[in-house]
Amino acid sequence: AIYVGKRMALLERFSVPAWVQVVKTHRLRRVGVQPAVVRMLLEADLPAADLSSLDFVMCGSGPLDVATRDAFEQRYGVPVLTAYGATEFAGSVCAWTPDLYREFGARKRESSGRVLPGVRVRILDADTGAEVPTGQSGILTAQVPLLGPDWIRTTDIASIDADGFITLHGRADGAINRGGFKILPETVRAVLISHPQVRDAGVVGVPDGRLGEVPFAAVETVAGARVTEDDLLAVIREALPAHHVPVAVAFVDELPRTPSLKVSVPGVAALYRRAS
């Protein structure tokens, strides 16, 4: 907005009522939010008219599951355009635009968007460092013109298709090694948040004397939820191999979060230490 001379509205602290008031007062056309905010707005079940000024919602800073994205778009009639970037890239590497959404949106729902002009992306095998074939997952590396000719290696596991769209599959540095079995926390989290009574979740590896590491989950439920730990563990057992099942699930009113509203990994780990 600053670059093109547009007006911009900022909230000192997010709340659903304050956000909605700003959108309605200024008739905002484009907003940028985090995935947690999309879930909060969906749960608030706002009148669609409250968001009627919006052309689209831009969402970044973390993964947004397809089910939540679909539900938001169906409820409010506003497209959600995701993007992927990182601090080390000084911005985004890929993103959805309104034109791309119209052409590919229905076919590439899990993608974080197409590689931006001028940016080059390679997907590398985590062990050999060799570039993997199109469509296969590996470690994402990128060359960003703004930062020079060097290739920057991330810890994100991703794939890129023939049309240049990137799909994220988790983080290599957060993988849990449970007795030799590798578990991506995001895989378990995706199953947890698919439950209609779970607003958000965090999954981390915690120490185990026999297996080295085991998964632990913390969940934030919607108001009035009756779901139990056994219910959620059963959902995971049905969807994933047995070694993905957490040793425990903690229920909290609010998950610990970073200033950018991402679930805090150290904060979730601290919940386990307090519980044990």
C-alpha atoms as a PDB file:
ATOM      1  CA  ALA A   1       0.000   0.000   0.000  1.00  0.00           C
ATOM      2  CA  ILE A   2       2.794   2.428   0.889  1.00  0.00           C
ATOM      3  CA  TYR A   3       4.694   1.664  -2.318  1.00  0.00           C
ATOM      4  CA  VAL A   4       1.746   2.576  -4.549  1.00  0.00           C
ATOM      5  CA  GLY A   5       0.569   5.475  -2.383  1.00  0.00           C
ATOM      6  CA  LYS A   6      -2.586   3.854  -1.041  1.00  0.00           C
ATOM      7  CA  ARG A   7      -4.115   4.552   2.345  1.00  0.00           C
ATOM      8  CA  MET A   8      -3.624   1.873   4.985  1.00  0.00           C
ATOM      9  CA  ALA A   9      -5.432   1.045   8.239  1.00  0.00           C
ATOM     10  CA  LEU A  10      -3.530  -0.648  11.075  1.00  0.00           C
ATOM     11  CA  LEU A  11      -4.780  -2.234  14.291  1.00  0.00           C
ATOM     12  CA  GLU A  12      -2.606  -1.967  17.380  1.00  0.00           C
ATOM     13  CA  ARG A  13      -4.075  -5.245  18.630  1.00  0.00           C
ATOM     14  CA  PHE A  14      -6.363  -7.641  16.777  1.00  0.00           C
ATOM     15  CA  SER A  15      -9.883  -8.423  17.858  1.00  0.00           C
ATOM     16  CA  VAL A  16     -12.753  -9.491  15.637  1.00  0.00           C
ATOM     17  CA  PRO A  17     -15.033  -6.531  16.546  1.00  0.00           C
ATOM     18  CA  ALA A  18     -12.248  -3.968  16.034  1.00  0.00           C
ATOM     19  CA  TRP A  19     -11.205  -5.517  12.718  1.00  0.00           C
ATOM     20  CA  VAL A  20     -14.767  -5.603  11.413  1.00  0.00           C
ATOM     21  CA  GLN A  21     -15.325  -2.002  12.473  1.00  0.00           C
ATOM     22  CA  VAL A  22     -12.264  -0.848  10.513  1.00  0.00           C
ATOM     23  CA  VAL A  23     -13.362  -2.789   7.421  1.00  0.00           C
ATOM     24  CA  LYS A  24     -16.872  -1.318   7.566  1.00  0.00           C
ATOM     25  CA  THR A  25     -15.834   2.236   8.443  1.00  0.00           C
ATOM     26  CA  HIS A  26     -13.232   2.566   5.697  1.00  0.00           C
ATOM     27  CA  ARG A  27     -14.894   0.205   3.192  1.00  0.00           C
ATOM     28  CA  LEU A  28     -11.617  -1.651   2.794  1.00  0.00           C
ATOM     29  CA  ARG A  29     -11.133  -3.570  -0.441  1.00  0.00           C
ATOM     30  CA  ARG A  30      -8.053  -5.600   0.468  1.00  0.00           C
ATOM     31  CA  VAL A  31      -6.885  -6.861   3.837  1.00  0.00           C
ATOM     32  CA  GLY A  32      -3.923  -8.911   5.016  1.00  0.00           C
ATOM     33  CA  VAL A  33      -4.431 -11.429   7.818  1.00  0.00           C
ATOM     34  CA  GLN A  34      -2.871 -14.511   9.384  1.00  0.00           C
ATOM     35  CA  PRO A  35      -4.479 -17.984   9.227  1.00  0.00           C
ATOM     36  CA  ALA A  36      -5.561 -17.694  12.870  1.00  0.00           C
ATOM     37  CA  VAL A  37      -7.547 -14.576  11.991  1.00  0.00           C
ATOM     38  CA  VAL A  38      -9.328 -16.356   9.128  1.00  0.00           C
ATOM     39  CA  ARG A  39     -10.449 -19.030  11.606  1.00  0.00           C
ATOM     40  CA  MET A  40     -11.595 -16.418  14.150  1.00  0.00           C
ATOM     41  CA  LEU A  41     -13.626 -14.558  11.528  1.00  0.00           C
ATOM     42  CA  LEU A  42     -15.207 -17.786  10.343  1.00  0.00           C
ATOM     43  CA  GLU A  43     -16.112 -18.851  13.867  1.00  0.00           C
ATOM     44  CA  ALA A  44     -17.598 -15.406  14.570  1.00  0.00           C
ATOM     45  CA  ASP A  45     -20.218 -16.134  11.872  1.00  0.00           C
ATOM     46  CA  LEU A  46     -20.427 -12.500  10.865  1.00  0.00           C
ATOM     47  CA  PRO A  47     -23.113 -11.156   8.536  1.00  0.00           C
ATOM     48  CA  ALA A  48     -21.726 -11.419   5.009  1.00  0.00           C
ATOM     49  CA  ALA A  49     -22.595  -7.746   4.550  1.00  0.00           C
ATOM     50  CA  ASP A  50     -19.864  -6.824   7.055  1.00  0.00           C
ATOM     51  CA  LEU A  51     -17.244  -7.993   4.552  1.00  0.00           C
ATOM     52  CA  SER A  52     -19.043  -6.930   1.391  1.00  0.00           C
ATOM     53  CA  SER A  53     -16.515  -4.209   0.532  1.00  0.00           C
ATOM     54  CA  LEU A  54     -13.654  -6.713   0.254  1.00  0.00           C
ATOM     55  CA  ASP A  55     -12.380  -7.806  -3.147  1.00  0.00           C
ATOM     56  CA  PHE A  56     -10.168 -10.426  -1.524  1.00  0.00           C
ATOM     57  CA  VAL A  57      -8.315 -11.385   1.650  1.00  0.00           C
ATOM     58  CA  MET A  58      -4.548 -11.881   1.540  1.00  0.00           C
ATOM     59  CA  CYS A  59      -3.321 -14.524   3.978  1.00  0.00           C
ATOM     60  CA  GLY A  60       0.254 -15.323   4.955  1.00  0.00           C
ATOM     61  CA  SER A  61       2.727 -15.975   7.793  1.00  0.00           C
ATOM     62  CA  GLY A  62       1.696 -19.628   8.049  1.00  0.00           C
ATOM     63  CA  PRO A  63      -0.241 -22.464   6.404  1.00  0.00           C
ATOM     64  CA  LEU A  64      -3.995 -22.163   5.936  1.00  0.00           C
ATOM     65  CA  ASP A  65      -5.793 -25.476   5.572  1.00  0.00           C
ATOM     66  CA  VAL A  66      -8.002 -25.933   2.535  1.00  0.00           C
ATOM     67  CA  ALA A  67     -11.133 -26.714   4.559  1.00  0.00           C
ATOM     68  CA  THR A  68     -10.947 -23.384   6.413  1.00  0.00           C
ATOM     69  CA  ARG A  69     -10.207 -21.497   3.213  1.00  0.00           C
ATOM     70  CA  ASP A  70     -13.168 -23.112   1.468  1.00  0.00           C
ATOM     71  CA  ALA A  71     -15.494 -22.486   4.404  1.00  0.00           C
ATOM     72  CA  PHE A  72     -14.502 -18.804   4.589  1.00  0.00           C
ATOM     73  CA  GLU A  73     -15.043 -18.264   0.878  1.00  0.00           C
ATOM     74  CA  GLN A  74     -18.405 -20.021   0.941  1.00  0.00           C
ATOM     75  CA  ARG A  75     -19.569 -18.137   4.037  1.00  0.00           C
ATOM     76  CA  TYR A  76     -18.495 -14.635   3.009  1.00  0.00           C
ATOM     77  CA  GLY A  77     -18.077 -14.841  -0.762  1.00  0.00           C
ATOM     78  CA  VAL A  78     -14.581 -13.346  -0.549  1.00  0.00           C
ATOM     79  CA  PRO A  79     -11.576 -15.106  -2.163  1.00  0.00           C
ATOM     80  CA  VAL A  80      -8.626 -15.904   0.111  1.00  0.00           C
ATOM     81  CA  LEU A  81      -5.299 -15.372  -1.671  1.00  0.00           C
ATOM     82  CA  THR A  82      -2.412 -17.058   0.125  1.00  0.00           C
ATOM     83  CA  ALA A  83       1.288 -16.314  -0.174  1.00  0.00           C
ATOM     84  CA  TYR A  84       4.537 -17.828   1.062  1.00  0.00           C
ATOM     85  CA  GLY A  85       7.667 -16.002   2.079  1.00  0.00           C
ATOM     86  CA  ALA A  86      10.221 -15.771   4.844  1.00  0.00           C
ATOM     87  CA  THR A  87      12.354 -13.214   6.616  1.00  0.00           C
ATOM     88  CA  GLU A  88      15.443 -14.468   4.812  1.00  0.00           C
ATOM     89  CA  PHE A  89      13.790 -13.651   1.465  1.00  0.00           C
ATOM     90  CA  ALA A  90      12.805 -10.111   2.504  1.00  0.00           C
ATOM     91  CA  GLY A  91       9.307 -10.808   1.218  1.00  0.00           C
ATOM     92  CA  SER A  92       7.258 -13.390  -0.665  1.00  0.00           C
ATOM     93  CA  VAL A  93       8.531 -16.121  -2.968  1.00  0.00           C
ATOM     94  CA  CYS A  94       5.137 -17.130  -4.338  1.00  0.00           C
ATOM     95  CA  ALA A  95       1.601 -15.789  -4.136  1.00  0.00           C
ATOM     96  CA  TRP A  96      -1.884 -15.949  -5.552  1.00  0.00           C
ATOM     97  CA  THR A  97      -3.180 -12.973  -7.513  1.00  0.00           C
ATOM     98  CA  PRO A  98      -6.815 -12.339  -8.474  1.00  0.00           C
ATOM     99  CA  ASP A  99      -6.056 -13.350 -12.084  1.00  0.00           C
ATOM    100  CA  LEU A 100      -4.336 -16.572 -11.010  1.00  0.00           C
ATOM    101  CA  TYR A 101      -7.194 -17.333  -8.652  1.00  0.00           C
ATOM    102  CA  ARG A 102      -9.734 -17.053 -11.455  1.00  0.00           C
ATOM    103  CA  GLU A 103      -7.711 -19.332 -13.737  1.00  0.00           C
ATOM    104  CA  PHE A 104      -6.297 -21.915 -11.335  1.00  0.00           C
ATOM    105  CA  GLY A 105      -8.075 -21.433  -8.001  1.00  0.00           C
ATOM    106  CA  ALA A 106     -10.439 -24.374  -8.307  1.00  0.00           C
ATOM    107  CA  ARG A 107      -7.683 -26.781  -9.408  1.00  0.00           C
ATOM    108  CA  LYS A 108      -4.841 -25.889  -7.069  1.00  0.00           C
ATOM    109  CA  ARG A 109      -6.506 -25.360  -3.704  1.00  0.00           C
ATOM    110  CA  GLU A 110      -3.567 -26.628  -1.645  1.00  0.00           C
ATOM    111  CA  SER A 111      -0.993 -24.390  -3.317  1.00  0.00           C
ATOM    112  CA  SER A 112       0.448 -21.253  -1.698  1.00  0.00           C
ATOM    113  CA  GLY A 113       0.653 -19.593  -5.109  1.00  0.00           C
ATOM    114  CA  ARG A 114       2.850 -19.248  -8.175  1.00  0.00           C
ATOM    115  CA  VAL A 115       6.514 -18.288  -7.998  1.00  0.00           C
ATOM    116  CA  LEU A 116       6.815 -14.513  -8.343  1.00  0.00           C
ATOM    117  CA  PRO A 117       8.406 -12.950 -11.442  1.00  0.00           C
ATOM    118  CA  GLY A 118      12.174 -12.779 -11.146  1.00  0.00           C
ATOM    119  CA  VAL A 119      12.344 -15.346  -8.347  1.00  0.00           C
ATOM    120  CA  ARG A 120      13.877 -18.759  -9.057  1.00  0.00           C
ATOM    121  CA  VAL A 121      13.003 -21.818  -6.987  1.00  0.00           C
ATOM    122  CA  ARG A 122      14.597 -25.236  -6.717  1.00  0.00           C
ATOM    123  CA  ILE A 123      13.373 -28.202  -4.705  1.00  0.00           C
ATOM    124  CA  LEU A 124      16.286 -30.280  -3.403  1.00  0.00           C
ATOM    125  CA  ASP A 125      16.616 -33.763  -1.961  1.00  0.00           C
ATOM    126  CA  ALA A 126      17.252 -33.334   1.766  1.00  0.00           C
ATOM    127  CA  ASP A 127      20.019 -35.949   1.825  1.00  0.00           C
ATOM    128  CA  THR A 128      21.833 -35.571  -1.505  1.00  0.00           C
ATOM    129  CA  GLY A 129      21.173 -31.909  -2.286  1.00  0.00           C
ATOM    130  CA  ALA A 130      20.203 -32.861  -5.847  1.00  0.00           C
ATOM    131  CA  GLU A 131      17.228 -31.181  -7.499  1.00  0.00           C
ATOM    132  CA  VAL A 132      14.168 -33.444  -7.446  1.00  0.00           C
ATOM    133  CA  PRO A 133      11.774 -33.971 -10.379  1.00  0.00           C
ATOM    134  CA  THR A 134       8.790 -31.657 -10.821  1.00  0.00           C
ATOM    135  CA  GLY A 135       5.998 -32.549  -8.423  1.00  0.00           C
ATOM    136  CA  GLN A 136       8.186 -34.285  -5.856  1.00  0.00           C
ATOM    137  CA  SER A 137       8.745 -32.804  -2.414  1.00  0.00           C
ATOM    138  CA  GLY A 138      12.041 -31.695  -0.942  1.00  0.00           C
ATOM    139  CA  ILE A 139      13.775 -28.724   0.646  1.00  0.00           C
ATOM    140  CA  LEU A 140      12.809 -25.392  -0.890  1.00  0.00           C
ATOM    141  CA  THR A 141      15.634 -23.103  -2.010  1.00  0.00           C
ATOM    142  CA  ALA A 142      15.209 -19.784  -3.761  1.00  0.00           C
ATOM    143  CA  GLN A 143      17.162 -17.079  -5.528  1.00  0.00           C
ATOM    144  CA  VAL A 144      15.704 -13.604  -4.980  1.00  0.00           C
ATOM    145  CA  PRO A 145      16.991 -10.769  -7.221  1.00  0.00           C
ATOM    146  CA  LEU A 146      16.700  -8.213  -4.424  1.00  0.00           C
ATOM    147  CA  LEU A 147      19.228 -10.176  -2.355  1.00  0.00           C
ATOM    148  CA  GLY A 148      21.758 -11.048  -5.043  1.00  0.00           C
ATOM    149  CA  PRO A 149      22.828 -14.229  -6.856  1.00  0.00           C
ATOM    150  CA  ASP A 150      23.070 -16.581  -3.859  1.00  0.00           C
ATOM    151  CA  TRP A 151      20.628 -19.444  -3.429  1.00  0.00           C
ATOM    152  CA  ILE A 152      18.962 -19.379  -0.014  1.00  0.00           C
ATOM    153  CA  ARG A 153      18.107 -22.734   1.547  1.00  0.00           C
ATOM    154  CA  THR A 154      15.068 -22.943   3.793  1.00  0.00           C
ATOM    155  CA  THR A 155      13.914 -25.633   6.184  1.00  0.00           C
ATOM    156  CA  ASP A 156      10.527 -25.830   4.444  1.00  0.00           C
ATOM    157  CA  ILE A 157       9.442 -28.990   2.658  1.00  0.00           C
ATOM    158  CA  ALA A 158       7.661 -28.133  -0.580  1.00  0.00           C
ATOM    159  CA  SER A 159       6.932 -29.205  -4.135  1.00  0.00           C
ATOM    160  CA  ILE A 160       6.508 -27.223  -7.344  1.00  0.00           C
ATOM    161  CA  ASP A 161       4.290 -28.251 -10.245  1.00  0.00           C
ATOM    162  CA  ALA A 162       4.644 -27.751 -13.985  1.00  0.00           C
ATOM    163  CA  ASP A 163       2.748 -24.449 -13.810  1.00  0.00           C
ATOM    164  CA  GLY A 164       5.129 -22.999 -11.226  1.00  0.00           C
ATOM    165  CA  PHE A 165       2.800 -23.319  -8.218  1.00  0.00           C
ATOM    166  CA  ILE A 166       4.346 -24.162  -4.860  1.00  0.00           C
ATOM    167  CA  THR A 167       2.717 -26.429  -2.285  1.00  0.00           C
ATOM    168  CA  LEU A 168       4.111 -26.580   1.244  1.00  0.00           C
ATOM    169  CA  HIS A 169       4.239 -29.879   3.140  1.00  0.00           C
ATOM    170  CA  GLY A 170       5.791 -28.905   6.476  1.00  0.00           C
ATOM    171  CA  ARG A 171       9.133 -27.996   7.983  1.00  0.00           C
ATOM    172  CA  ALA A 172      12.167 -30.256   7.964  1.00  0.00           C
ATOM    173  CA  ASP A 173      13.628 -28.712  11.121  1.00  0.00           C
ATOM    174  CA  GLY A 174      10.466 -29.486  13.084  1.00  0.00           C
ATOM    175  CA  ALA A 175      10.292 -33.165  12.131  1.00  0.00           C
ATOM    176  CA  ILE A 176       9.797 -35.488  15.094  1.00  0.00           C
ATOM    177  CA  ASN A 177      11.940 -38.643  15.139  1.00  0.00           C
ATOM    178  CA  ARG A 178       9.885 -41.227  17.023  1.00  0.00           C
ATOM    179  CA  GLY A 179      12.099 -44.271  17.311  1.00  0.00           C
ATOM    180  CA  GLY A 180      13.278 -43.874  13.723  1.00  0.00           C
ATOM    181  CA  PHE A 181       9.888 -42.877  12.295  1.00  0.00           C
ATOM    182  CA  LYS A 182       9.770 -39.304  10.984  1.00  0.00           C
ATOM    183  CA  ILE A 183       6.649 -37.285  11.766  1.00  0.00           C
ATOM    184  CA  LEU A 184       5.874 -33.845  10.355  1.00  0.00           C
ATOM    185  CA  PRO A 185       3.966 -31.889  13.038  1.00  0.00           C
ATOM    186  CA  GLU A 186       1.938 -30.103  10.360  1.00  0.00           C
ATOM    187  CA  THR A 187       0.544 -33.464   9.191  1.00  0.00           C
ATOM    188  CA  VAL A 188      -0.856 -34.192  12.651  1.00  0.00           C
ATOM    189  CA  ARG A 189      -2.040 -30.614  13.114  1.00  0.00           C
ATOM    190  CA  ALA A 190      -3.957 -30.752   9.826  1.00  0.00           C
ATOM    191  CA  VAL A 191      -5.963 -33.725  11.092  1.00  0.00           C
ATOM    192  CA  LEU A 192      -6.662 -32.061  14.439  1.00  0.00           C
ATOM    193  CA  ILE A 193      -7.982 -28.831  12.942  1.00  0.00           C
ATOM    194  CA  SER A 194     -10.193 -30.800  10.571  1.00  0.00           C
ATOM    195  CA  HIS A 195     -12.378 -31.572  13.599  1.00  0.00           C
ATOM    196  CA  PRO A 196     -15.251 -29.067  13.649  1.00  0.00           C
ATOM    197  CA  GLN A 197     -14.809 -28.350  17.368  1.00  0.00           C
ATOM    198  CA  VAL A 198     -11.091 -27.525  17.116  1.00  0.00           C
ATOM    199  CA  ARG A 199     -10.248 -23.901  16.324  1.00  0.00           C
ATOM    200  CA  ASP A 200      -6.473 -24.377  16.136  1.00  0.00           C
ATOM    201  CA  ALA A 201      -3.738 -26.729  17.272  1.00  0.00           C
ATOM    202  CA  GLY A 202      -0.014 -27.036  17.780  1.00  0.00           C
ATOM    203  CA  VAL A 203       2.085 -30.209  17.659  1.00  0.00           C
ATOM    204  CA  VAL A 204       5.659 -30.537  18.918  1.00  0.00           C
ATOM    205  CA  GLY A 205       8.192 -33.232  19.675  1.00  0.00           C
ATOM    206  CA  VAL A 206       8.898 -33.854  23.361  1.00  0.00           C
ATOM    207  CA  PRO A 207      11.641 -36.018  24.926  1.00  0.00           C
ATOM    208  CA  ASP A 208      11.025 -39.718  25.522  1.00  0.00           C
ATOM    209  CA  GLY A 209      13.497 -42.033  27.238  1.00  0.00           C
ATOM    210  CA  ARG A 210      12.747 -45.021  25.004  1.00  0.00           C
ATOM    211  CA  LEU A 211      11.891 -43.538  21.600  1.00  0.00           C
ATOM    212  CA  GLY A 212      13.906 -40.324  21.716  1.00  0.00           C
ATOM    213  CA  GLU A 213      11.005 -38.080  20.766  1.00  0.00           C
ATOM    214  CA  VAL A 214       7.229 -38.380  20.727  1.00  0.00           C
ATOM    215  CA  PRO A 215       4.512 -35.997  19.501  1.00  0.00           C
ATOM    216  CA  PHE A 216       2.478 -33.877  21.914  1.00  0.00           C
ATOM    217  CA  ALA A 217      -0.492 -31.746  20.889  1.00  0.00           C
ATOM    218  CA  ALA A 218      -2.262 -28.738  22.328  1.00  0.00           C
ATOM    219  CA  VAL A 219      -5.629 -27.634  21.001  1.00  0.00           C
ATOM    220  CA  GLU A 220      -7.787 -24.542  21.247  1.00  0.00           C
ATOM    221  CA  THR A 221     -11.449 -25.464  20.879  1.00  0.00           C
ATOM    222  CA  VAL A 222     -14.446 -23.453  19.755  1.00  0.00           C
ATOM    223  CA  ALA A 223     -16.897 -22.095  22.313  1.00  0.00           C
ATOM    224  CA  GLY A 224     -19.066 -24.805  23.854  1.00  0.00           C
ATOM    225  CA  ALA A 225     -16.970 -27.682  22.491  1.00  0.00           C
ATOM    226  CA  ARG A 226     -17.445 -31.121  24.033  1.00  0.00           C
ATOM    227  CA  VAL A 227     -14.688 -32.957  22.198  1.00  0.00           C
ATOM    228  CA  THR A 228     -12.392 -35.091  24.381  1.00  0.00           C
ATOM    229  CA  GLU A 229      -8.791 -36.231  24.138  1.00  0.00           C
ATOM    230  CA  ASP A 230      -9.958 -39.734  23.219  1.00  0.00           C
ATOM    231  CA  ASP A 231     -12.115 -38.301  20.428  1.00  0.00           C
ATOM    232  CA  LEU A 232      -9.158 -36.485  18.873  1.00  0.00           C
ATOM    233  CA  LEU A 233      -6.769 -39.402  19.252  1.00  0.00           C
ATOM    234  CA  ALA A 234      -9.322 -41.619  17.509  1.00  0.00           C
ATOM    235  CA  VAL A 235      -9.542 -39.154  14.607  1.00  0.00           C
ATOM    236  CA  ILE A 236      -5.757 -39.225  14.222  1.00  0.00           C
ATOM    237  CA  ARG A 237      -5.598 -43.039  14.402  1.00  0.00           C
ATOM    238  CA  GLU A 238      -8.180 -43.235  11.639  1.00  0.00           C
ATOM    239  CA  ALA A 239      -6.330 -40.797   9.373  1.00  0.00           C
ATOM    240  CA  LEU A 240      -2.634 -41.497   9.995  1.00  0.00           C
ATOM    241  CA  PRO A 241      -0.212 -44.327  10.832  1.00  0.00           C
ATOM    242  CA  ALA A 242      -0.026 -45.247  14.521  1.00  0.00           C
ATOM    243  CA  HIS A 243       3.315 -43.548  15.172  1.00  0.00           C
ATOM    244  CA  HIS A 244       1.695 -40.158  14.450  1.00  0.00           C
ATOM    245  CA  VAL A 245      -0.646 -40.424  17.454  1.00  0.00           C
ATOM    246  CA  PRO A 246       0.358 -37.929  20.185  1.00  0.00           C
ATOM    247  CA  VAL A 247       1.169 -39.177  23.671  1.00  0.00           C
ATOM    248  CA  ALA A 248      -1.200 -36.553  25.046  1.00  0.00           C
ATOM    249  CA  VAL A 249      -3.492 -33.727  23.998  1.00  0.00           C
ATOM    250  CA  ALA A 250      -3.780 -30.604  26.144  1.00  0.00           C
ATOM    251  CA  PHE A 251      -6.865 -28.399  25.928  1.00  0.00           C
ATOM    252  CA  VAL A 252      -6.296 -24.678  26.409  1.00  0.00           C
ATOM    253  CA  ASP A 253      -8.478 -21.583  26.205  1.00  0.00           C
ATOM    254  CA  GLU A 254      -5.850 -19.870  24.046  1.00  0.00           C
ATOM    255  CA  LEU A 255      -2.794 -21.376  22.395  1.00  0.00           C
ATOM    256  CA  PRO A 256       0.518 -19.616  23.036  1.00  0.00           C
ATOM    257  CA  ARG A 257       1.306 -17.435  20.043  1.00  0.00           C
ATOM    258  CA  THR A 258       4.070 -15.324  18.619  1.00  0.00           C
ATOM    259  CA  PRO A 259       3.508 -11.589  17.942  1.00  0.00           C
ATOM    260  CA  SER A 260       2.526 -12.535  14.365  1.00  0.00           C
ATOM    261  CA  LEU A 261      -0.192 -14.873  15.770  1.00  0.00           C
ATOM    262  CA  LYS A 262       1.580 -18.079  14.775  1.00  0.00           C
ATOM    263  CA  VAL A 263       1.323 -20.913  17.289  1.00  0.00           C
ATOM    264  CA  SER A 264       4.471 -20.761  19.443  1.00  0.00           C
ATOM    265  CA  VAL A 265       6.409 -24.047  19.329  1.00  0.00           C
ATOM    266  CA  PRO A 266       8.333 -23.306  22.565  1.00  0.00           C
ATOM    267  CA  GLY A 267       5.049 -22.276  24.157  1.00  0.00           C
ATOM    268  CA  VAL A 268       3.381 -25.587  23.265  1.00  0.00           C
ATOM    269  CA  ALA A 269       6.419 -27.501  24.546  1.00  0.00           C
ATOM    270  CA  ALA A 270       6.136 -25.568  27.818  1.00  0.00           C
ATOM    271  CA  LEU A 271       2.525 -26.752  28.159  1.00  0.00           C
ATOM    272  CA  TYR A 272       3.795 -30.338  28.075  1.00  0.00           C
ATOM    273  CA  ARG A 273       6.432 -29.657  30.719  1.00  0.00           C
ATOM    274  CA  ARG A 274       3.851 -28.084  33.003  1.00  0.00           C
ATOM    275  CA  ALA A 275       1.431 -30.974  32.485  1.00  0.00           C
ATOM    276  CA  SER A 276       4.066 -33.615  33.203  1.00  0.00           C
END
